[in-house]
PDB file of all heavy atoms in Angstrom:
ATOM      1  N   HIS A   1      28.807  -0.141  91.051  1.00  0.00           N
ATOM      2  CA  HIS A   1      28.123   0.381  89.870  1.00  0.00           C
ATOM      3  C   HIS A   1      27.495   1.728  90.217  1.00  0.00           C
ATOM      4  O   HIS A   1      27.513   2.164  91.363  1.00  0.00           O
ATOM      5  CB  HIS A   1      27.078  -0.626  89.377  1.00  0.00           C
ATOM      6  CG  HIS A   1      27.705  -1.871  88.804  1.00  0.00           C
ATOM      7  ND1 HIS A   1      28.203  -1.957  87.520  1.00  0.00           N
ATOM      8  CD2 HIS A   1      27.948  -3.092  89.368  1.00  0.00           C
ATOM      9  CE1 HIS A   1      28.721  -3.170  87.308  1.00  0.00           C
ATOM     10  NE2 HIS A   1      28.573  -3.871  88.406  1.00  0.00           N
ATOM     11  N   ILE A   2      26.931   2.393  89.227  1.00  0.00           N
ATOM     12  CA  ILE A   2      26.506   3.791  89.388  1.00  0.00           C
ATOM     13  C   ILE A   2      25.418   3.951  90.417  1.00  0.00           C
ATOM     14  O   ILE A   2      25.213   5.038  90.987  1.00  0.00           O
ATOM     15  CB  ILE A   2      26.073   4.383  88.039  1.00  0.00           C
ATOM     16  CG1 ILE A   2      26.053   5.924  88.086  1.00  0.00           C
ATOM     17  CG2 ILE A   2      24.747   3.779  87.579  1.00  0.00           C
ATOM     18  CD1 ILE A   2      27.388   6.565  88.350  1.00  0.00           C
ATOM     19  N   ASN A   3      24.693   2.861  90.735  1.00  0.00           N
ATOM     20  CA  ASN A   3      23.613   2.986  91.755  1.00  0.00           C
ATOM     21  C   ASN A   3      24.144   3.046  93.189  1.00  0.00           C
ATOM     22  O   ASN A   3      23.366   3.127  94.139  1.00  0.00           O
ATOM     23  CB  ASN A   3      22.612   1.841  91.600  1.00  0.00           C
ATOM     24  CG  ASN A   3      23.291   0.476  91.666  1.00  0.00           C
ATOM     25  OD1 ASN A   3      24.469   0.378  91.940  1.00  0.00           O
ATOM     26  ND2 ASN A   3      22.521  -0.568  91.387  1.00  0.00           N
ATOM     27  N   GLN A   4      25.459   2.968  93.343  1.00  0.00           N
ATOM     28  CA  GLN A   4      26.104   3.199  94.652  1.00  0.00           C
ATOM     29  C   GLN A   4      27.120   4.292  94.479  1.00  0.00           C
ATOM     30  O   GLN A   4      28.332   4.051  94.404  1.00  0.00           O
ATOM     31  CB  GLN A   4      26.727   1.899  95.205  1.00  0.00           C
ATOM     32  CG  GLN A   4      25.732   0.790  95.413  1.00  0.00           C
ATOM     33  CD  GLN A   4      26.368  -0.468  95.926  1.00  0.00           C
ATOM     34  OE1 GLN A   4      27.217  -0.451  96.808  1.00  0.00           O
ATOM     35  NE2 GLN A   4      25.952  -1.620  95.368  1.00  0.00           N
ATOM     36  N   ILE A   5      26.657   5.526  94.418  1.00  0.00           N
ATOM     37  CA  ILE A   5      27.462   6.653  93.984  1.00  0.00           C
ATOM     38  C   ILE A   5      28.657   6.925  94.884  1.00  0.00           C
ATOM     39  O   ILE A   5      29.702   7.353  94.441  1.00  0.00           O
ATOM     40  CB  ILE A   5      26.586   7.938  93.852  1.00  0.00           C
ATOM     41  CG1 ILE A   5      27.348   9.054  93.156  1.00  0.00           C
ATOM     42  CG2 ILE A   5      26.036   8.363  95.183  1.00  0.00           C
ATOM     43  CD1 ILE A   5      27.787   8.750  91.738  1.00  0.00           C
ATOM     44  N   ALA A   6      28.532   6.649  96.178  1.00  0.00           N
ATOM     45  CA  ALA A   6      29.629   6.970  97.110  1.00  0.00           C
ATOM     46  C   ALA A   6      30.887   6.126  96.834  1.00  0.00           C
ATOM     47  O   ALA A   6      32.000   6.592  97.078  1.00  0.00           O
ATOM     48  CB  ALA A   6      29.175   6.760  98.556  1.00  0.00           C
ATOM     49  N   SER A   7      30.678   4.918  96.338  1.00  0.00           N
ATOM     50  CA  SER A   7      31.838   4.035  96.083  1.00  0.00           C
ATOM     51  C   SER A   7      31.945   3.653  94.612  1.00  0.00           C
ATOM     52  O   SER A   7      32.546   2.640  94.266  1.00  0.00           O
ATOM     53  CB  SER A   7      31.722   2.772  96.945  1.00  0.00           C
ATOM     54  OG  SER A   7      30.484   2.093  96.660  1.00  0.00           O
ATOM     55  N   VAL A   8      31.396   4.485  93.743  1.00  0.00           N
ATOM     56  CA  VAL A   8      31.316   4.137  92.318  1.00  0.00           C
ATOM     57  C   VAL A   8      32.673   4.001  91.669  1.00  0.00           C
ATOM     58  O   VAL A   8      33.623   4.728  92.006  1.00  0.00           O
ATOM     59  CB  VAL A   8      30.462   5.197  91.587  1.00  0.00           C
ATOM     60  CG1 VAL A   8      31.158   6.538  91.519  1.00  0.00           C
ATOM     61  CG2 VAL A   8      30.077   4.711  90.163  1.00  0.00           C
ATOM     62  N   VAL A   9      32.788   3.077  90.751  1.00  0.00           N
ATOM     63  CA  VAL A   9      33.983   2.947  89.960  1.00  0.00           C
ATOM     64  C   VAL A   9      34.167   4.217  89.125  1.00  0.00           C
ATOM     65  O   VAL A   9      33.197   4.856  88.697  1.00  0.00           O
ATOM     66  CB  VAL A   9      33.911   1.704  89.049  1.00  0.00           C
ATOM     67  CG1 VAL A   9      32.845   1.872  87.962  1.00  0.00           C
ATOM     68  CG2 VAL A   9      35.262   1.357  88.437  1.00  0.00           C
ATOM     69  N   GLY A  10      35.416   4.613  88.926  1.00  0.00           N
ATOM     70  CA  GLY A  10      35.689   5.813  88.110  1.00  0.00           C
ATOM     71  C   GLY A  10      35.714   7.098  88.896  1.00  0.00           C
ATOM     72  O   GLY A  10      35.964   8.159  88.330  1.00  0.00           O
ATOM     73  N   ARG A  11      35.480   7.053  90.202  1.00  0.00           N
ATOM     74  CA  ARG A  11      35.547   8.281  90.986  1.00  0.00           C
ATOM     75  C   ARG A  11      37.019   8.770  91.031  1.00  0.00           C
ATOM     76  O   ARG A  11      37.943   7.948  91.058  1.00  0.00           O
ATOM     77  CB  ARG A  11      34.989   8.099  92.395  1.00  0.00           C
ATOM     78  CG  ARG A  11      35.743   7.136  93.273  1.00  0.00           C
ATOM     79  CD  ARG A  11      34.971   6.874  94.572  1.00  0.00           C
ATOM     80  NE  ARG A  11      35.748   6.072  95.503  1.00  0.00           N
ATOM     81  CZ  ARG A  11      35.852   4.767  95.475  1.00  0.00           C
ATOM     82  NH1 ARG A  11      35.223   4.070  94.531  1.00  0.00           N
ATOM     83  NH2 ARG A  11      36.590   4.127  96.414  1.00  0.00           N
ATOM     84  N   VAL A  12      37.202  10.087  91.057  1.00  0.00           N
ATOM     85  CA  VAL A  12      38.547  10.646  90.981  1.00  0.00           C
ATOM     86  C   VAL A  12      38.816  11.540  92.190  1.00  0.00           C
ATOM     87  O   VAL A  12      37.908  12.107  92.797  1.00  0.00           O
ATOM     88  CB  VAL A  12      38.753  11.454  89.686  1.00  0.00           C
ATOM     89  CG1 VAL A  12      38.790  10.529  88.489  1.00  0.00           C
ATOM     90  CG2 VAL A  12      37.673  12.501  89.517  1.00  0.00           C
ATOM     91  N   GLY A  13      40.096  11.662  92.514  1.00  0.00           N
ATOM     92  CA  GLY A  13      40.523  12.553  93.576  1.00  0.00           C
ATOM     93  C   GLY A  13      41.922  13.059  93.303  1.00  0.00           C
ATOM     94  O   GLY A  13      42.683  12.436  92.548  1.00  0.00           O
ATOM     95  N   ARG A  14      42.233  14.184  93.927  1.00  0.00           N
ATOM     96  CA  ARG A  14      43.559  14.793  93.735  1.00  0.00           C
ATOM     97  C   ARG A  14      44.385  14.671  95.020  1.00  0.00           C
ATOM     98  O   ARG A  14      43.848  14.781  96.140  1.00  0.00           O
ATOM     99  CB  ARG A  14      43.411  16.260  93.352  1.00  0.00           C
ATOM    100  CG  ARG A  14      42.907  16.429  91.916  1.00  0.00           C
ATOM    101  CD  ARG A  14      43.027  17.859  91.463  1.00  0.00           C
ATOM    102  NE  ARG A  14      42.034  18.730  92.058  1.00  0.00           N
ATOM    103  CZ  ARG A  14      41.760  19.961  91.645  1.00  0.00           C
ATOM    104  NH1 ARG A  14      42.444  20.464  90.633  1.00  0.00           N
ATOM    105  NH2 ARG A  14      40.837  20.679  92.233  1.00  0.00           N
ATOM    106  N   VAL A  15      45.672  14.481  94.836  1.00  0.00           N
ATOM    107  CA  VAL A  15      46.609  14.466  95.960  1.00  0.00           C
ATOM    108  C   VAL A  15      46.859  15.906  96.373  1.00  0.00           C
ATOM    109  O   VAL A  15      47.361  16.715  95.597  1.00  0.00           O
ATOM    110  CB  VAL A  15      47.940  13.780  95.565  1.00  0.00           C
ATOM    111  CG1 VAL A  15      48.952  13.891  96.687  1.00  0.00           C
ATOM    112  CG2 VAL A  15      47.704  12.334  95.185  1.00  0.00           C
ATOM    113  N   ARG A  16      46.484  16.226  97.626  1.00  0.00           N
ATOM    114  CA  ARG A  16      46.603  17.607  98.107  1.00  0.00           C
ATOM    115  C   ARG A  16      47.575  17.739  99.280  1.00  0.00           C
ATOM    116  O   ARG A  16      47.686  18.774  99.897  1.00  0.00           O
ATOM    117  CB  ARG A  16      45.214  18.131  98.530  1.00  0.00           C
ATOM    118  CG  ARG A  16      44.196  18.112  97.423  1.00  0.00           C
ATOM    119  CD  ARG A  16      44.457  19.158  96.402  1.00  0.00           C
ATOM    120  NE  ARG A  16      44.093  20.497  96.895  1.00  0.00           N
ATOM    121  CZ  ARG A  16      44.238  21.598  96.181  1.00  0.00           C
ATOM    122  NH1 ARG A  16      44.735  21.537  94.982  1.00  0.00           N
ATOM    123  NH2 ARG A  16      43.898  22.753  96.680  1.00  0.00           N
ATOM    124  N   TYR A  17      48.265  16.656  99.584  1.00  0.00           N
ATOM    125  CA  TYR A  17      49.201  16.616 100.719  1.00  0.00           C
ATOM    126  C   TYR A  17      50.635  16.566 100.227  1.00  0.00           C
ATOM    127  O   TYR A  17      50.910  16.270  99.059  1.00  0.00           O
ATOM    128  CB  TYR A  17      48.874  15.441 101.638  1.00  0.00           C
ATOM    129  CG  TYR A  17      48.796  14.109 100.875  1.00  0.00           C
ATOM    130  CD1 TYR A  17      49.925  13.404 100.512  1.00  0.00           C
ATOM    131  CD2 TYR A  17      47.547  13.591 100.522  1.00  0.00           C
ATOM    132  CE1 TYR A  17      49.827  12.212  99.807  1.00  0.00           C
ATOM    133  CE2 TYR A  17      47.454  12.401  99.807  1.00  0.00           C
ATOM    134  CZ  TYR A  17      48.581  11.696  99.468  1.00  0.00           C
ATOM    135  OH  TYR A  17      48.511  10.551  98.772  1.00  0.00           O
ATOM    136  N   ASP A  18      51.556  16.833 101.158  1.00  0.00           N
ATOM    137  CA  ASP A  18      53.002  16.820 100.817  1.00  0.00           C
ATOM    138  C   ASP A  18      53.665  15.507 101.217  1.00  0.00           C
ATOM    139  O   ASP A  18      54.811  15.268 100.828  1.00  0.00           O
ATOM    140  CB  ASP A  18      53.708  17.983 101.527  1.00  0.00           C
ATOM    141  CG  ASP A  18      53.230  19.335 101.025  1.00  0.00           C
ATOM    142  OD1 ASP A  18      53.191  19.536  99.804  1.00  0.00           O
ATOM    143  OD2 ASP A  18      52.904  20.215 101.865  1.00  0.00           O
ATOM    144  N   ALA A  19      52.994  14.686 101.991  1.00  0.00           N
ATOM    145  CA  ALA A  19      53.573  13.441 102.468  1.00  0.00           C
ATOM    146  C   ALA A  19      53.886  12.494 101.311  1.00  0.00           C
ATOM    147  O   ALA A  19      53.246  12.524 100.272  1.00  0.00           O
ATOM    148  CB  ALA A  19      52.642  12.778 103.466  1.00  0.00           C
ATOM    149  N   ILE A  20      54.891  11.648 101.514  1.00  0.00           N
ATOM    150  CA  ILE A  20      55.248  10.633 100.539  1.00  0.00           C
ATOM    151  C   ILE A  20      54.283   9.454 100.702  1.00  0.00           C
ATOM    152  O   ILE A  20      54.132   8.881 101.789  1.00  0.00           O
ATOM    153  CB  ILE A  20      56.696  10.176 100.721  1.00  0.00           C
ATOM    154  CG1 ILE A  20      57.665  11.310 100.428  1.00  0.00           C
ATOM    155  CG2 ILE A  20      56.980   8.978  99.792  1.00  0.00           C
ATOM    156  CD1 ILE A  20      59.118  10.962 100.656  1.00  0.00           C
ATOM    157  N   THR A  21      53.650   9.062  99.608  1.00  0.00           N
ATOM    158  CA  THR A  21      52.759   7.891  99.604  1.00  0.00           C
ATOM    159  C   THR A  21      53.014   7.094  98.352  1.00  0.00           C
ATOM    160  O   THR A  21      53.631   7.587  97.384  1.00  0.00           O
ATOM    161  CB  THR A  21      51.271   8.288  99.650  1.00  0.00           C
ATOM    162  OG1 THR A  21      50.987   9.212  98.583  1.00  0.00           O
ATOM    163  CG2 THR A  21      50.911   8.957 100.997  1.00  0.00           C
ATOM    164  N   VAL A  22      52.559   5.845  98.343  1.00  0.00           N
ATOM    165  CA  VAL A  22      52.789   4.970  97.203  1.00  0.00           C
ATOM    166  C   VAL A  22      51.457   4.391  96.718  1.00  0.00           C
ATOM    167  O   VAL A  22      50.529   4.197  97.490  1.00  0.00           O
ATOM    168  CB  VAL A  22      53.786   3.854  97.574  1.00  0.00           C
ATOM    169  CG1 VAL A  22      53.227   2.972  98.661  1.00  0.00           C
ATOM    170  CG2 VAL A  22      54.218   3.048  96.377  1.00  0.00           C
ATOM    171  N   LEU A  23      51.371   4.171  95.399  1.00  0.00           N
ATOM    172  CA  LEU A  23      50.112   3.796  94.749  1.00  0.00           C
ATOM    173  C   LEU A  23      49.920   2.280  94.721  1.00  0.00           C
ATOM    174  O   LEU A  23      50.790   1.534  94.331  1.00  0.00           O
ATOM    175  CB  LEU A  23      50.122   4.319  93.317  1.00  0.00           C
ATOM    176  CG  LEU A  23      48.820   4.303  92.534  1.00  0.00           C
ATOM    177  CD1 LEU A  23      47.782   5.210  93.172  1.00  0.00           C
ATOM    178  CD2 LEU A  23      49.061   4.734  91.078  1.00  0.00           C
ATOM    179  N   ASN A  24      48.720   1.861  95.138  1.00  0.00           N
ATOM    180  CA  ASN A  24      48.365   0.433  95.154  1.00  0.00           C
ATOM    181  C   ASN A  24      47.672   0.044  93.842  1.00  0.00           C
ATOM    182  O   ASN A  24      47.190   0.908  93.091  1.00  0.00           O
ATOM    183  CB  ASN A  24      47.442   0.162  96.335  1.00  0.00           C
ATOM    184  CG  ASN A  24      47.344  -1.335  96.634  1.00  0.00           C
ATOM    185  OD1 ASN A  24      48.346  -2.034  96.685  1.00  0.00           O
ATOM    186  ND2 ASN A  24      46.121  -1.812  96.862  1.00  0.00           N
ATOM    187  N   GLN A  25      47.599  -1.260  93.573  1.00  0.00           N
ATOM    188  CA  GLN A  25      46.949  -1.758  92.402  1.00  0.00           C
ATOM    189  C   GLN A  25      45.471  -1.348  92.359  1.00  0.00           C
ATOM    190  O   GLN A  25      44.850  -1.147  93.365  1.00  0.00           O
ATOM    191  CB  GLN A  25      47.067  -3.270  92.336  1.00  0.00           C
ATOM    192  CG  GLN A  25      46.378  -4.005  93.476  1.00  0.00           C
ATOM    193  CD  GLN A  25      46.541  -5.490  93.391  1.00  0.00           C
ATOM    194  OE1 GLN A  25      46.708  -6.056  92.312  1.00  0.00           O
ATOM    195  NE2 GLN A  25      46.490  -6.186  94.526  1.00  0.00           N
ATOM    196  N   ARG A  26      44.944  -1.282  91.136  1.00  0.00           N
ATOM    197  CA  ARG A  26      43.563  -0.915  90.850  1.00  0.00           C
ATOM    198  C   ARG A  26      43.214   0.537  91.164  1.00  0.00           C
ATOM    199  O   ARG A  26      42.054   0.901  91.114  1.00  0.00           O
ATOM    200  CB  ARG A  26      42.570  -1.852  91.528  1.00  0.00           C
ATOM    201  CG  ARG A  26      42.739  -3.331  91.152  1.00  0.00           C
ATOM    202  CD  ARG A  26      42.636  -3.528  89.667  1.00  0.00           C
ATOM    203  NE  ARG A  26      41.352  -3.064  89.130  1.00  0.00           N
ATOM    204  CZ  ARG A  26      41.134  -2.840  87.831  1.00  0.00           C
ATOM    205  NH1 ARG A  26      42.127  -2.944  86.946  1.00  0.00           N
ATOM    206  NH2 ARG A  26      39.965  -2.462  87.414  1.00  0.00           N
ATOM    207  N   VAL A  27      44.236   1.317  91.533  1.00  0.00           N
ATOM    208  CA  VAL A  27      44.090   2.777  91.548  1.00  0.00           C
ATOM    209  C   VAL A  27      44.922   3.324  90.389  1.00  0.00           C
ATOM    210  O   VAL A  27      46.122   3.073  90.312  1.00  0.00           O
ATOM    211  CB  VAL A  27      44.558   3.398  92.881  1.00  0.00           C
ATOM    212  CG1 VAL A  27      44.285   4.883  92.877  1.00  0.00           C
ATOM    213  CG2 VAL A  27      43.848   2.724  94.035  1.00  0.00           C
ATOM    214  N   GLY A  28      44.270   4.030  89.482  1.00  0.00           N
ATOM    215  CA  GLY A  28      44.962   4.533  88.310  1.00  0.00           C
ATOM    216  C   GLY A  28      45.467   5.939  88.540  1.00  0.00           C
ATOM    217  O   GLY A  28      44.825   6.768  89.177  1.00  0.00           O
ATOM    218  N   LYS A  29      46.634   6.218  88.012  1.00  0.00           N
ATOM    219  CA  LYS A  29      47.196   7.577  88.007  1.00  0.00           C
ATOM    220  C   LYS A  29      47.090   8.144  86.601  1.00  0.00           C
ATOM    221  O   LYS A  29      47.501   7.509  85.627  1.00  0.00           O
ATOM    222  CB  LYS A  29      48.653   7.546  88.454  1.00  0.00           C
ATOM    223  CG  LYS A  29      49.326   8.911  88.452  1.00  0.00           C
ATOM    224  CD  LYS A  29      50.769   8.823  88.930  1.00  0.00           C
ATOM    225  CE  LYS A  29      51.484  10.148  88.758  1.00  0.00           C
ATOM    226  NZ  LYS A  29      52.900  10.048  89.192  1.00  0.00           N
ATOM    227  N   ILE A  30      46.481   9.346  86.524  1.00  0.00           N
ATOM    228  CA  ILE A  30      46.300  10.016  85.251  1.00  0.00           C
ATOM    229  C   ILE A  30      47.581  10.849  84.975  1.00  0.00           C
ATOM    230  O   ILE A  30      47.955  11.696  85.764  1.00  0.00           O
ATOM    231  CB  ILE A  30      45.072  10.966  85.251  1.00  0.00           C
ATOM    232  CG1 ILE A  30      43.824  10.206  85.683  1.00  0.00           C
ATOM    233  CG2 ILE A  30      44.900  11.616  83.872  1.00  0.00           C
ATOM    234  CD1 ILE A  30      43.405   9.108  84.764  1.00  0.00           C
ATOM    235  N   VAL A  31      48.235  10.586  83.842  1.00  0.00           N
ATOM    236  CA  VAL A  31      49.472  11.266  83.499  1.00  0.00           C
ATOM    237  C   VAL A  31      49.261  12.100  82.245  1.00  0.00           C
ATOM    238  O   VAL A  31      48.857  11.578  81.205  1.00  0.00           O
ATOM    239  CB  VAL A  31      50.622  10.271  83.273  1.00  0.00           C
ATOM    240  CG1 VAL A  31      51.917  11.004  82.902  1.00  0.00           C
ATOM    241  CG2 VAL A  31      50.827   9.417  84.531  1.00  0.00           C
ATOM    242  N   ASN A  32      49.487  13.399  82.362  1.00  0.00           N
ATOM    243  CA  ASN A  32      49.331  14.308  81.207  1.00  0.00           C
ATOM    244  C   ASN A  32      50.518  14.160  80.263  1.00  0.00           C
ATOM    245  O   ASN A  32      51.684  14.261  80.698  1.00  0.00           O
ATOM    246  CB  ASN A  32      49.260  15.750  81.738  1.00  0.00           C
ATOM    247  CG  ASN A  32      48.768  16.726  80.691  1.00  0.00           C
ATOM    248  OD1 ASN A  32      48.434  16.340  79.588  1.00  0.00           O
ATOM    249  ND2 ASN A  32      48.710  17.995  81.076  1.00  0.00           N
ATOM    250  N   LYS A  33      50.255  13.894  78.987  1.00  0.00           N
ATOM    251  CA  LYS A  33      51.326  13.654  78.046  1.00  0.00           C
ATOM    252  C   LYS A  33      52.054  14.947  77.643  1.00  0.00           C
ATOM    253  O   LYS A  33      53.261  14.961  77.429  1.00  0.00           O
ATOM    254  CB  LYS A  33      50.777  12.999  76.767  1.00  0.00           C
ATOM    255  CG  LYS A  33      50.366  11.537  76.951  1.00  0.00           C
ATOM    256  CD  LYS A  33      49.899  10.972  75.614  1.00  0.00           C
ATOM    257  CE  LYS A  33      49.520   9.508  75.719  1.00  0.00           C
ATOM    258  NZ  LYS A  33      49.054   8.950  74.407  1.00  0.00           N
ATOM    259  N   ASN A  34      51.296  16.038  77.523  1.00  0.00           N
ATOM    260  CA  ASN A  34      51.880  17.274  77.041  1.00  0.00           C
ATOM    261  C   ASN A  34      51.163  18.463  77.682  1.00  0.00           C
ATOM    262  O   ASN A  34      50.040  18.771  77.296  1.00  0.00           O
ATOM    263  CB  ASN A  34      51.798  17.330  75.505  1.00  0.00           C
ATOM    264  CG  ASN A  34      52.583  18.491  74.909  1.00  0.00           C
ATOM    265  OD1 ASN A  34      52.818  19.497  75.589  1.00  0.00           O
ATOM    266  ND2 ASN A  34      52.965  18.363  73.650  1.00  0.00           N
ATOM    267  N   GLU A  35      51.800  19.136  78.618  1.00  0.00           N
ATOM    268  CA  GLU A  35      51.189  20.251  79.322  1.00  0.00           C
ATOM    269  C   GLU A  35      50.888  21.433  78.426  1.00  0.00           C
ATOM    270  O   GLU A  35      50.056  22.268  78.747  1.00  0.00           O
ATOM    271  CB  GLU A  35      52.061  20.690  80.498  1.00  0.00           C
ATOM    272  CG  GLU A  35      52.145  19.663  81.608  1.00  0.00           C
ATOM    273  CD  GLU A  35      52.987  20.134  82.772  1.00  0.00           C
ATOM    274  OE1 GLU A  35      53.507  21.292  82.694  1.00  0.00           O
ATOM    275  OE2 GLU A  35      53.126  19.380  83.740  1.00  0.00           O
ATOM    276  N   ALA A  36      51.578  21.509  77.290  1.00  0.00           N
ATOM    277  CA  ALA A  36      51.339  22.625  76.348  1.00  0.00           C
ATOM    278  C   ALA A  36      50.018  22.425  75.575  1.00  0.00           C
ATOM    279  O   ALA A  36      49.463  23.378  75.027  1.00  0.00           O
ATOM    280  CB  ALA A  36      52.501  22.745  75.379  1.00  0.00           C
ATOM    281  N   LYS A  37      49.516  21.186  75.557  1.00  0.00           N
ATOM    282  CA  LYS A  37      48.307  20.905  74.791  1.00  0.00           C
ATOM    283  C   LYS A  37      47.083  20.595  75.647  1.00  0.00           C
ATOM    284  O   LYS A  37      45.954  20.707  75.207  1.00  0.00           O
ATOM    285  CB  LYS A  37      48.586  19.719  73.856  1.00  0.00           C
ATOM    286  CG  LYS A  37      49.589  20.039  72.741  1.00  0.00           C
ATOM    287  CD  LYS A  37      49.699  18.861  71.766  1.00  0.00           C
ATOM    288  CE  LYS A  37      50.677  19.189  70.628  1.00  0.00           C
ATOM    289  NZ  LYS A  37      50.794  18.055  69.690  1.00  0.00           N
ATOM    290  N   SER A  38      47.322  20.148  76.883  1.00  0.00           N
ATOM    291  CA  SER A  38      46.161  19.786  77.741  1.00  0.00           C
ATOM    292  C   SER A  38      46.506  20.084  79.210  1.00  0.00           C
ATOM    293  O   SER A  38      47.631  20.023  79.617  1.00  0.00           O
ATOM    294  CB  SER A  38      45.826  18.307  77.592  1.00  0.00           C
ATOM    295  OG  SER A  38      46.953  17.481  77.858  1.00  0.00           O
ATOM    296  N   SER A  39      45.467  20.470  79.911  1.00  0.00           N
ATOM    297  CA  SER A  39      45.581  20.822  81.331  1.00  0.00           C
ATOM    298  C   SER A  39      45.132  19.640  82.190  1.00  0.00           C
ATOM    299  O   SER A  39      43.977  19.156  82.027  1.00  0.00           O
ATOM    300  CB  SER A  39      44.719  22.057  81.649  1.00  0.00           C
ATOM    301  OG  SER A  39      44.441  22.145  83.015  1.00  0.00           O
ATOM    302  N   LEU A  40      45.966  19.181  83.089  1.00  0.00           N
ATOM    303  CA  LEU A  40      45.599  18.055  83.960  1.00  0.00           C
ATOM    304  C   LEU A  40      44.438  18.447  84.855  1.00  0.00           C
ATOM    305  O   LEU A  40      43.555  17.619  85.124  1.00  0.00           O
ATOM    306  CB  LEU A  40      46.803  17.624  84.797  1.00  0.00           C
ATOM    307  CG  LEU A  40      46.562  16.394  85.710  1.00  0.00           C
ATOM    308  CD1 LEU A  40      46.183  15.172  84.869  1.00  0.00           C
ATOM    309  CD2 LEU A  40      47.816  16.106  86.538  1.00  0.00           C
ATOM    310  N   ASP A  41      44.390  19.699  85.329  1.00  0.00           N
ATOM    311  CA  ASP A  41      43.282  20.134  86.169  1.00  0.00           C
ATOM    312  C   ASP A  41      41.961  20.115  85.377  1.00  0.00           C
ATOM    313  O   ASP A  41      40.933  19.723  85.918  1.00  0.00           O
ATOM    314  CB  ASP A  41      43.535  21.545  86.696  1.00  0.00           C
ATOM    315  CG  ASP A  41      44.576  21.595  87.800  1.00  0.00           C
ATOM    316  OD1 ASP A  41      44.788  20.529  88.430  1.00  0.00           O
ATOM    317  OD2 ASP A  41      45.197  22.629  88.009  1.00  0.00           O
ATOM    318  N   TYR A  42      42.013  20.541  84.124  1.00  0.00           N
ATOM    319  CA  TYR A  42      40.817  20.485  83.265  1.00  0.00           C
ATOM    320  C   TYR A  42      40.351  19.034  83.100  1.00  0.00           C
ATOM    321  O   TYR A  42      39.145  18.734  83.183  1.00  0.00           O
ATOM    322  CB  TYR A  42      41.101  21.123  81.922  1.00  0.00           C
ATOM    323  CG  TYR A  42      39.997  20.982  80.918  1.00  0.00           C
ATOM    324  CD1 TYR A  42      38.890  21.841  80.924  1.00  0.00           C
ATOM    325  CD2 TYR A  42      40.017  19.985  79.916  1.00  0.00           C
ATOM    326  CE1 TYR A  42      37.868  21.717  80.020  1.00  0.00           C
ATOM    327  CE2 TYR A  42      39.014  19.845  78.989  1.00  0.00           C
ATOM    328  CZ  TYR A  42      37.936  20.710  79.048  1.00  0.00           C
ATOM    329  OH  TYR A  42      36.907  20.577  78.124  1.00  0.00           O
ATOM    330  N   ILE A  43      41.293  18.137  82.869  1.00  0.00           N
ATOM    331  CA  ILE A  43      40.951  16.727  82.678  1.00  0.00           C
ATOM    332  C   ILE A  43      40.367  16.161  83.964  1.00  0.00           C
ATOM    333  O   ILE A  43      39.412  15.350  83.928  1.00  0.00           O
ATOM    334  CB  ILE A  43      42.204  15.943  82.218  1.00  0.00           C
ATOM    335  CG1 ILE A  43      42.570  16.357  80.785  1.00  0.00           C
ATOM    336  CG2 ILE A  43      41.970  14.431  82.310  1.00  0.00           C
ATOM    337  CD1 ILE A  43      43.918  15.869  80.332  1.00  0.00           C
TER     338      ILE A  43
END
């Protein structure tokens, strides 16, 4: 919960590496529907 900020639910991070990795359950991937209408970096 929010009173434990270091491990809080909803924290986000960006993939900055080139290595191949695979996504585990309970980690959500944000997918931009239309790059002409919204910026993933802004989101």
